[in-house]
Amino acid sequence: MRSTYGGQFVSGIIDPAAEHGLRHSIEPTAQQVALVQATCAFMQKDIAIHRDLDGLARLMGSNRNSLARAFKHVLGKGVYAWLQEQRMIAAARLLRTTALSIQDIGFDLGYEDAANFATAFKLHHGMPPRSYRQIVRKSKI
């Protein structure tokens, strides 16, 4: 059953923000930008630590919804999507610049299982970490 509650439907969910013209029409606030910058800097300090969104938000002096909304508004992606991207950037750098094993790189970036790390790397970079490392090494010759 469709509700006619003041907001508009988005995938069957009422979106009150659309009723007020708030969707994608406002720039992020300085407070949202500061929250995202502080959160990113905090997570970058130890990228391998797994944090739940509620706990992370509390550490940042915010709440789950405000933090998630700020990330979406400022960066266009969620907290965990940003963290995954940062881990994959770091993984590529470590594969290029170190002789660490793929398993050690995965572990250093928060993956408890090398297979999970390899799968995530392949999804992000389009090839497994071993192939990436071989291609990079060959291109340096």
N, C-alpha and C. Protein backbone atom coordinates (compact mmCIF):
# COMPACT_ATOMS: atom_id res chain seq x y z
N MET A 1 0.83 -1.18 0.00
CA MET A 1 0.00 0.00 0.00
C MET A 1 0.88 1.25 0.00
N ARG A 2 0.56 2.18 -0.86
CA ARG A 2 1.30 3.42 -0.96
C ARG A 2 0.80 4.43 0.04
N SER A 3 1.71 5.01 0.77
CA SER A 3 1.34 6.03 1.74
C SER A 3 1.40 7.40 1.07
N THR A 4 0.58 8.30 1.55
CA THR A 4 0.63 9.66 1.03
C THR A 4 1.21 10.62 2.05
N TYR A 5 1.95 10.07 3.02
CA TYR A 5 2.62 10.89 4.01
C TYR A 5 3.46 11.93 3.30
N GLY A 6 3.52 13.13 3.79
CA GLY A 6 4.13 14.30 3.19
C GLY A 6 5.30 14.14 2.25
N GLY A 7 6.14 13.13 2.41
CA GLY A 7 7.33 13.00 1.58
C GLY A 7 7.06 12.28 0.28
N GLN A 8 8.08 12.16 -0.53
CA GLN A 8 7.99 11.43 -1.78
C GLN A 8 8.55 10.04 -1.59
N PHE A 9 8.10 9.11 -2.44
CA PHE A 9 8.60 7.75 -2.35
C PHE A 9 9.89 7.60 -3.12
N VAL A 10 10.86 6.95 -2.51
CA VAL A 10 12.11 6.59 -3.16
C VAL A 10 12.27 5.11 -2.91
N SER A 11 12.14 4.29 -3.94
CA SER A 11 12.22 2.84 -3.80
C SER A 11 11.27 2.36 -2.71
N GLY A 12 10.07 2.94 -2.65
CA GLY A 12 9.08 2.50 -1.69
C GLY A 12 9.28 3.04 -0.30
N ILE A 13 10.27 3.90 -0.08
CA ILE A 13 10.54 4.47 1.24
C ILE A 13 10.25 5.96 1.17
N ILE A 14 9.55 6.44 2.15
CA ILE A 14 9.23 7.87 2.18
C ILE A 14 10.51 8.68 2.35
N ASP A 15 10.64 9.71 1.54
CA ASP A 15 11.82 10.57 1.59
C ASP A 15 11.36 11.99 1.94
N PRO A 16 11.29 12.33 3.24
CA PRO A 16 10.83 13.66 3.62
C PRO A 16 11.73 14.78 3.11
N ALA A 17 13.01 14.51 2.89
CA ALA A 17 13.91 15.55 2.40
C ALA A 17 13.49 16.04 1.02
N ALA A 18 12.98 15.12 0.20
CA ALA A 18 12.57 15.50 -1.14
C ALA A 18 11.39 16.46 -1.09
N GLU A 19 10.52 16.30 -0.09
CA GLU A 19 9.37 17.18 0.06
C GLU A 19 9.81 18.63 0.25
N HIS A 20 10.92 18.82 0.90
CA HIS A 20 11.39 20.16 1.20
C HIS A 20 12.46 20.63 0.22
N GLY A 21 12.67 19.90 -0.86
CA GLY A 21 13.64 20.30 -1.86
C GLY A 21 15.08 20.20 -1.39
N LEU A 22 15.37 19.35 -0.42
CA LEU A 22 16.72 19.27 0.15
C LEU A 22 17.64 18.31 -0.59
N ARG A 23 17.13 17.42 -1.37
CA ARG A 23 17.96 16.41 -2.00
C ARG A 23 18.90 17.03 -3.04
N HIS A 24 20.18 16.91 -2.84
CA HIS A 24 21.24 17.30 -3.78
C HIS A 24 21.21 18.78 -4.16
N SER A 25 20.53 19.60 -3.37
CA SER A 25 20.45 21.00 -3.77
C SER A 25 21.31 21.91 -2.89
N ILE A 26 21.88 21.36 -1.83
CA ILE A 26 22.65 22.18 -0.91
C ILE A 26 24.08 21.67 -0.85
N GLU A 27 25.00 22.59 -0.74
CA GLU A 27 26.39 22.21 -0.56
C GLU A 27 26.56 21.66 0.85
N PRO A 28 27.56 20.81 1.06
CA PRO A 28 27.82 20.33 2.43
C PRO A 28 28.13 21.51 3.36
N THR A 29 27.70 21.38 4.58
CA THR A 29 28.00 22.43 5.55
C THR A 29 29.45 22.33 5.99
N ALA A 30 29.96 23.40 6.55
CA ALA A 30 31.33 23.39 7.08
C ALA A 30 31.45 22.33 8.18
N GLN A 31 30.39 22.15 8.95
CA GLN A 31 30.39 21.16 10.02
C GLN A 31 30.49 19.74 9.43
N GLN A 32 29.76 19.47 8.35
CA GLN A 32 29.84 18.15 7.71
C GLN A 32 31.23 17.91 7.14
N VAL A 33 31.79 18.90 6.49
CA VAL A 33 33.13 18.77 5.92
C VAL A 33 34.15 18.51 7.02
N ALA A 34 34.06 19.26 8.12
CA ALA A 34 34.98 19.07 9.24
C ALA A 34 34.83 17.68 9.84
N LEU A 35 33.61 17.20 9.97
CA LEU A 35 33.36 15.86 10.52
C LEU A 35 33.98 14.79 9.63
N VAL A 36 33.78 14.92 8.34
CA VAL A 36 34.34 13.94 7.39
C VAL A 36 35.86 14.00 7.40
N GLN A 37 36.43 15.18 7.38
CA GLN A 37 37.89 15.31 7.41
C GLN A 37 38.47 14.70 8.68
N ALA A 38 37.87 14.99 9.81
CA ALA A 38 38.37 14.45 11.08
C ALA A 38 38.23 12.93 11.13
N THR A 39 37.11 12.43 10.62
CA THR A 39 36.88 10.98 10.62
C THR A 39 37.87 10.28 9.70
N CYS A 40 38.08 10.82 8.53
CA CYS A 40 39.04 10.23 7.58
C CYS A 40 40.45 10.22 8.18
N ALA A 41 40.85 11.32 8.77
CA ALA A 41 42.18 11.39 9.38
C ALA A 41 42.30 10.38 10.51
N PHE A 42 41.26 10.25 11.31
CA PHE A 42 41.27 9.29 12.42
C PHE A 42 41.39 7.86 11.89
N MET A 43 40.61 7.52 10.87
CA MET A 43 40.65 6.15 10.34
C MET A 43 41.96 5.86 9.62
N GLN A 44 42.57 6.87 9.01
CA GLN A 44 43.83 6.68 8.30
C GLN A 44 44.97 6.33 9.26
N LYS A 45 44.86 6.74 10.52
CA LYS A 45 45.92 6.45 11.49
C LYS A 45 46.15 4.97 11.65
N ASP A 46 45.09 4.18 11.63
CA ASP A 46 45.21 2.73 11.67
C ASP A 46 44.10 2.14 10.81
N ILE A 47 44.41 2.03 9.54
CA ILE A 47 43.44 1.63 8.54
C ILE A 47 42.96 0.19 8.70
N ALA A 48 43.69 -0.60 9.46
CA ALA A 48 43.35 -2.01 9.62
C ALA A 48 42.29 -2.25 10.70
N ILE A 49 42.06 -1.29 11.56
CA ILE A 49 41.11 -1.51 12.65
C ILE A 49 39.68 -1.51 12.11
N HIS A 50 38.94 -2.52 12.54
CA HIS A 50 37.52 -2.60 12.19
C HIS A 50 36.72 -1.87 13.24
N ARG A 51 35.94 -0.90 12.80
CA ARG A 51 35.13 -0.11 13.72
C ARG A 51 33.67 -0.19 13.28
N ASP A 52 32.78 -0.32 14.26
CA ASP A 52 31.37 -0.25 13.91
C ASP A 52 30.99 1.22 13.79
N LEU A 53 30.00 1.49 12.97
CA LEU A 53 29.64 2.86 12.65
C LEU A 53 29.18 3.64 13.89
N ASP A 54 28.43 2.99 14.78
CA ASP A 54 27.99 3.66 16.00
C ASP A 54 29.18 4.09 16.87
N GLY A 55 30.12 3.16 17.07
CA GLY A 55 31.29 3.47 17.88
C GLY A 55 32.15 4.55 17.25
N LEU A 56 32.34 4.47 15.95
CA LEU A 56 33.12 5.49 15.24
C LEU A 56 32.46 6.86 15.38
N ALA A 57 31.16 6.89 15.19
CA ALA A 57 30.43 8.16 15.30
C ALA A 57 30.57 8.74 16.70
N ARG A 58 30.46 7.90 17.73
CA ARG A 58 30.63 8.37 19.10
C ARG A 58 32.02 8.95 19.32
N LEU A 59 33.04 8.24 18.81
CA LEU A 59 34.42 8.74 18.95
C LEU A 59 34.59 10.11 18.29
N MET A 60 33.82 10.34 17.24
CA MET A 60 33.94 11.60 16.50
C MET A 60 32.98 12.66 17.03
N GLY A 61 32.27 12.35 18.11
CA GLY A 61 31.35 13.32 18.70
C GLY A 61 30.10 13.52 17.87
N SER A 62 29.68 12.48 17.18
CA SER A 62 28.52 12.57 16.31
C SER A 62 27.62 11.37 16.58
N ASN A 63 26.71 11.12 15.68
CA ASN A 63 25.90 9.91 15.75
C ASN A 63 25.93 9.23 14.40
N ARG A 64 25.48 8.00 14.37
CA ARG A 64 25.54 7.15 13.18
C ARG A 64 24.92 7.84 11.96
N ASN A 65 23.72 8.36 12.11
CA ASN A 65 23.02 8.95 10.96
C ASN A 65 23.71 10.20 10.45
N SER A 66 24.14 11.05 11.35
CA SER A 66 24.82 12.29 10.93
C SER A 66 26.14 11.99 10.23
N LEU A 67 26.88 11.02 10.75
CA LEU A 67 28.15 10.66 10.13
C LEU A 67 27.93 10.07 8.75
N ALA A 68 27.00 9.14 8.64
CA ALA A 68 26.71 8.52 7.34
C ALA A 68 26.24 9.57 6.33
N ARG A 69 25.35 10.44 6.77
CA ARG A 69 24.83 11.49 5.89
C ARG A 69 25.95 12.44 5.45
N ALA A 70 26.83 12.80 6.37
CA ALA A 70 27.94 13.71 6.04
C ALA A 70 28.85 13.08 4.99
N PHE A 71 29.20 11.81 5.16
CA PHE A 71 30.05 11.13 4.17
C PHE A 71 29.39 11.11 2.80
N LYS A 72 28.14 10.75 2.76
CA LYS A 72 27.42 10.71 1.47
C LYS A 72 27.37 12.08 0.84
N HIS A 73 27.14 13.10 1.65
CA HIS A 73 26.99 14.44 1.12
C HIS A 73 28.34 15.03 0.69
N VAL A 74 29.38 14.80 1.47
CA VAL A 74 30.69 15.40 1.17
C VAL A 74 31.46 14.59 0.13
N LEU A 75 31.49 13.26 0.29
CA LEU A 75 32.31 12.42 -0.58
C LEU A 75 31.52 11.62 -1.62
N GLY A 76 30.21 11.58 -1.46
CA GLY A 76 29.39 10.82 -2.41
C GLY A 76 29.45 9.32 -2.19
N LYS A 77 29.93 8.90 -1.04
CA LYS A 77 30.02 7.48 -0.71
C LYS A 77 29.94 7.32 0.79
N GLY A 78 29.65 6.10 1.21
CA GLY A 78 29.54 5.82 2.63
C GLY A 78 30.89 5.68 3.30
N VAL A 79 30.85 5.60 4.62
CA VAL A 79 32.06 5.49 5.42
C VAL A 79 32.85 4.25 5.02
N TYR A 80 32.17 3.11 4.94
CA TYR A 80 32.88 1.86 4.64
C TYR A 80 33.35 1.79 3.20
N ALA A 81 32.62 2.41 2.28
CA ALA A 81 33.08 2.46 0.88
C ALA A 81 34.37 3.28 0.80
N TRP A 82 34.40 4.40 1.53
CA TRP A 82 35.61 5.23 1.54
C TRP A 82 36.78 4.44 2.14
N LEU A 83 36.52 3.75 3.26
CA LEU A 83 37.58 2.99 3.92
C LEU A 83 38.10 1.88 3.01
N GLN A 84 37.20 1.20 2.33
CA GLN A 84 37.60 0.13 1.40
C GLN A 84 38.48 0.70 0.29
N GLU A 85 38.09 1.85 -0.23
CA GLU A 85 38.89 2.50 -1.28
C GLU A 85 40.28 2.86 -0.78
N GLN A 86 40.37 3.39 0.43
CA GLN A 86 41.67 3.74 1.00
C GLN A 86 42.53 2.51 1.22
N ARG A 87 41.92 1.43 1.64
CA ARG A 87 42.66 0.18 1.82
C ARG A 87 43.20 -0.33 0.49
N MET A 88 42.43 -0.21 -0.56
CA MET A 88 42.87 -0.69 -1.87
C MET A 88 43.96 0.21 -2.46
N ILE A 89 43.90 1.49 -2.18
CA ILE A 89 44.98 2.40 -2.61
C ILE A 89 46.27 2.03 -1.88
N ALA A 90 46.16 1.80 -0.58
CA ALA A 90 47.33 1.41 0.21
C ALA A 90 47.87 0.06 -0.24
N ALA A 91 46.97 -0.87 -0.57
CA ALA A 91 47.40 -2.20 -1.03
C ALA A 91 48.21 -2.08 -2.32
N ALA A 92 47.73 -1.29 -3.25
CA ALA A 92 48.47 -1.12 -4.52
C ALA A 92 49.84 -0.51 -4.26
N ARG A 93 49.90 0.47 -3.38
CA ARG A 93 51.19 1.10 -3.06
C ARG A 93 52.14 0.08 -2.44
N LEU A 94 51.64 -0.72 -1.49
CA LEU A 94 52.49 -1.72 -0.85
C LEU A 94 52.94 -2.80 -1.83
N LEU A 95 52.09 -3.18 -2.74
CA LEU A 95 52.47 -4.17 -3.75
C LEU A 95 53.56 -3.62 -4.67
N ARG A 96 53.50 -2.33 -4.96
CA ARG A 96 54.49 -1.69 -5.83
C ARG A 96 55.82 -1.45 -5.14
N THR A 97 55.77 -1.14 -3.85
CA THR A 97 56.97 -0.60 -3.20
C THR A 97 57.61 -1.50 -2.16
N THR A 98 57.00 -2.64 -1.86
CA THR A 98 57.58 -3.52 -0.84
C THR A 98 57.66 -4.95 -1.36
N ALA A 99 58.37 -5.75 -0.61
CA ALA A 99 58.45 -7.19 -0.90
C ALA A 99 57.58 -7.99 0.07
N LEU A 100 56.71 -7.29 0.80
CA LEU A 100 55.81 -7.98 1.73
C LEU A 100 54.97 -9.00 0.97
N SER A 101 54.66 -10.11 1.63
CA SER A 101 53.80 -11.10 0.99
C SER A 101 52.39 -10.52 0.85
N ILE A 102 51.65 -11.06 -0.08
CA ILE A 102 50.27 -10.62 -0.29
C ILE A 102 49.45 -10.86 0.98
N GLN A 103 49.71 -11.96 1.65
CA GLN A 103 49.01 -12.26 2.89
C GLN A 103 49.33 -11.20 3.95
N ASP A 104 50.59 -10.82 4.07
CA ASP A 104 50.98 -9.80 5.05
C ASP A 104 50.36 -8.44 4.73
N ILE A 105 50.31 -8.10 3.46
CA ILE A 105 49.70 -6.83 3.06
C ILE A 105 48.22 -6.84 3.44
N GLY A 106 47.56 -7.92 3.11
CA GLY A 106 46.14 -8.03 3.47
C GLY A 106 45.94 -7.91 4.96
N PHE A 107 46.75 -8.61 5.73
CA PHE A 107 46.64 -8.56 7.18
C PHE A 107 46.90 -7.14 7.70
N ASP A 108 47.93 -6.48 7.17
CA ASP A 108 48.26 -5.12 7.58
C ASP A 108 47.14 -4.13 7.29
N LEU A 109 46.29 -4.48 6.33
CA LEU A 109 45.19 -3.59 5.95
C LEU A 109 43.85 -4.02 6.55
N GLY A 110 43.89 -5.01 7.44
CA GLY A 110 42.68 -5.37 8.16
C GLY A 110 41.96 -6.60 7.67
N TYR A 111 42.54 -7.32 6.74
CA TYR A 111 41.92 -8.56 6.24
C TYR A 111 42.50 -9.74 7.00
N GLU A 112 41.63 -10.54 7.60
CA GLU A 112 42.09 -11.70 8.36
C GLU A 112 42.38 -12.88 7.46
N ASP A 113 41.89 -12.83 6.23
CA ASP A 113 42.03 -13.93 5.30
C ASP A 113 42.59 -13.40 3.97
N ALA A 114 43.67 -14.01 3.50
CA ALA A 114 44.30 -13.56 2.26
C ALA A 114 43.35 -13.68 1.07
N ALA A 115 42.48 -14.68 1.09
CA ALA A 115 41.53 -14.86 -0.02
C ALA A 115 40.54 -13.69 -0.07
N ASN A 116 40.08 -13.24 1.08
CA ASN A 116 39.17 -12.08 1.10
C ASN A 116 39.87 -10.83 0.60
N PHE A 117 41.12 -10.66 0.99
CA PHE A 117 41.89 -9.52 0.51
C PHE A 117 42.04 -9.59 -1.01
N ALA A 118 42.42 -10.76 -1.52
CA ALA A 118 42.61 -10.92 -2.97
C ALA A 118 41.33 -10.64 -3.74
N THR A 119 40.20 -11.09 -3.20
CA THR A 119 38.91 -10.86 -3.85
C THR A 119 38.58 -9.37 -3.87
N ALA A 120 38.77 -8.70 -2.75
CA ALA A 120 38.50 -7.26 -2.69
C ALA A 120 39.42 -6.49 -3.63
N PHE A 121 40.69 -6.88 -3.67
CA PHE A 121 41.66 -6.22 -4.55
C PHE A 121 41.25 -6.39 -6.01
N LYS A 122 40.87 -7.59 -6.38
CA LYS A 122 40.48 -7.86 -7.76
C LYS A 122 39.23 -7.07 -8.15
N LEU A 123 38.28 -6.98 -7.24
CA LEU A 123 37.07 -6.19 -7.53
C LEU A 123 37.41 -4.72 -7.74
N HIS A 124 38.35 -4.22 -6.98
CA HIS A 124 38.70 -2.79 -7.07
C HIS A 124 39.64 -2.49 -8.24
N HIS A 125 40.65 -3.33 -8.43
CA HIS A 125 41.69 -3.05 -9.43
C HIS A 125 41.56 -3.85 -10.71
N GLY A 126 40.64 -4.81 -10.75
CA GLY A 126 40.41 -5.57 -11.97
C GLY A 126 41.36 -6.73 -12.20
N MET A 127 42.20 -7.01 -11.23
CA MET A 127 43.13 -8.14 -11.33
C MET A 127 43.56 -8.54 -9.93
N PRO A 128 44.00 -9.78 -9.77
CA PRO A 128 44.46 -10.21 -8.45
C PRO A 128 45.74 -9.49 -8.05
N PRO A 129 46.02 -9.41 -6.76
CA PRO A 129 47.21 -8.70 -6.30
C PRO A 129 48.51 -9.27 -6.86
N ARG A 130 48.59 -10.57 -7.01
CA ARG A 130 49.81 -11.18 -7.56
C ARG A 130 50.06 -10.71 -8.99
N SER A 131 49.01 -10.69 -9.81
CA SER A 131 49.14 -10.21 -11.20
C SER A 131 49.52 -8.73 -11.23
N TYR A 132 48.90 -7.94 -10.36
CA TYR A 132 49.21 -6.52 -10.27
C TYR A 132 50.70 -6.32 -9.98
N ARG A 133 51.19 -7.04 -8.99
CA ARG A 133 52.60 -6.92 -8.61
C ARG A 133 53.52 -7.33 -9.78
N GLN A 134 53.19 -8.41 -10.48
CA GLN A 134 54.01 -8.85 -11.60
C GLN A 134 54.03 -7.82 -12.72
N ILE A 135 52.89 -7.25 -13.04
CA ILE A 135 52.82 -6.25 -14.10
C ILE A 135 53.64 -5.01 -13.72
N VAL A 136 53.53 -4.58 -12.48
CA VAL A 136 54.27 -3.40 -12.03
C VAL A 136 55.76 -3.66 -12.08
N ARG A 137 56.18 -4.84 -11.65
CA ARG A 137 57.60 -5.17 -11.67
C ARG A 137 58.16 -5.25 -13.09
N LYS A 138 57.39 -5.81 -14.01
CA LYS A 138 57.82 -5.90 -15.41
C LYS A 138 57.92 -4.54 -16.05
N SER A 139 57.02 -3.62 -15.68
CA SER A 139 57.04 -2.30 -16.29
C SER A 139 58.22 -1.46 -15.80
N LYS A 140 58.83 -1.84 -14.70
CA LYS A 140 59.98 -1.10 -14.17
C LYS A 140 61.29 -1.53 -14.81
N ILE A 141 61.28 -2.64 -15.51
CA ILE A 141 62.51 -3.15 -16.13
C ILE A 141 62.89 -2.36 -17.34
